[in-house]
């Protein structure tokens, strides 16, 4: 018995609500099939989607037939009813299918399903057609113009829902690929830092021994080897720190610490680098001691920022370090007279392995982990970190805000 208009309108509203409330492709397809068969009072509904790689249509879902048998059968755009609907982007009603030359008989032969009459509509979003939906074998009588309108409405809603679900699925796959890539990167850093630590320890031991026992030119060579080994150890420490931050395994041991002393200790580790480059580092500290609750690794943050400022400041140059109390927080600024940072690089420089320089023309070295590690540690301390610069050759200022232990 044919459905009256109020019933049809109620089902159309249900279709719209259901299709727009799901982002699962399989769930959407199943609903379209079951609802389409019921609303159009036909034996079968099938959905074919366009494959942009080979330019043909393929069955994605169908009722009353084995989709496994249909799935590997390409439907050509030329010489098929579905292809005609797709190319012309318009509904097509055929109530005498046997005498239509566009009937693609390979489907019926494969499935033993006889098609007597057919109604099809394109699945399109604006001018972009993504596939075709077909209804076959009206149970009573033949398809009419009211059926054309019903199927066209279903097709319009289905196209949007399918496309949205496809986009979400593509994003999920892309995110999974990125997650896998990040995991591979983290695993590599963990293995590399572990495997290199033992041979590096041997190199450091021999280099230290040679430096102590040698004189003249040989002592200079030993000193060069020791410096290179120390740089490699610093890189390994960065890799280990970054990996711990990435995996969330960093555990902080907070202790009451004098901030000024922490920064001065960090500078003591960078004094030689600053002297070699003729970079003058000046501290602008308040008279009162600023206390913070901090893990000893916060010193690594200040060392990284000092090292960064010194490395990127041409000789001779200046680096100024400021401490300002602001309500319950303390602001630490590392201001250099260096090469500056382009405006569009102020945030990306904190990403893992990011380098402003091109990897083929680099002058300043490093893995691009220092700033990423520094920000990660600052955030673990409940603080914030960012960079400011007026552009190339205008210097840069790195700012850190931390909560004070006493306010």
Foldseek 3Di string as FASTA:
>chain_A
DADDDVVLVVLLVVLLVVLVVDLAQVVLQVVLFVSLCVNQVFDKKWWWWADPVVGWTFTDDMPPWDSVLGRPDTHHLPLAPFSVQQVVQAKDWFQAQVPDRSHDCVVCVSTVDDFRIKIKGFQDDPPRTTTMMMTTGRPPDGDDVVSNVSVHSSSPSSSVSNVSSVVVVVVVVVVVVVVVVVVVLLVVLVVVLVVVPVVLVVQLVVLVVQCVPDDDPSNVVSVVSNVVSVVVNVQNVLSVLVSCLVVVNDDFDWDKDFPVVLLVVLVVVCVVVCVVQQEAEEEAEDPDTFIATGGSCLSLLSNLLVVVQSLQAHPPWYWYWYWDDDVQKIKIKIWIQGFWDAPVCFPVLLDFQDDPDDPVDDDRDDRSRSNVSSQSRLVVQVKGKTKDTPHTSGTIMIMIMHGTPGD
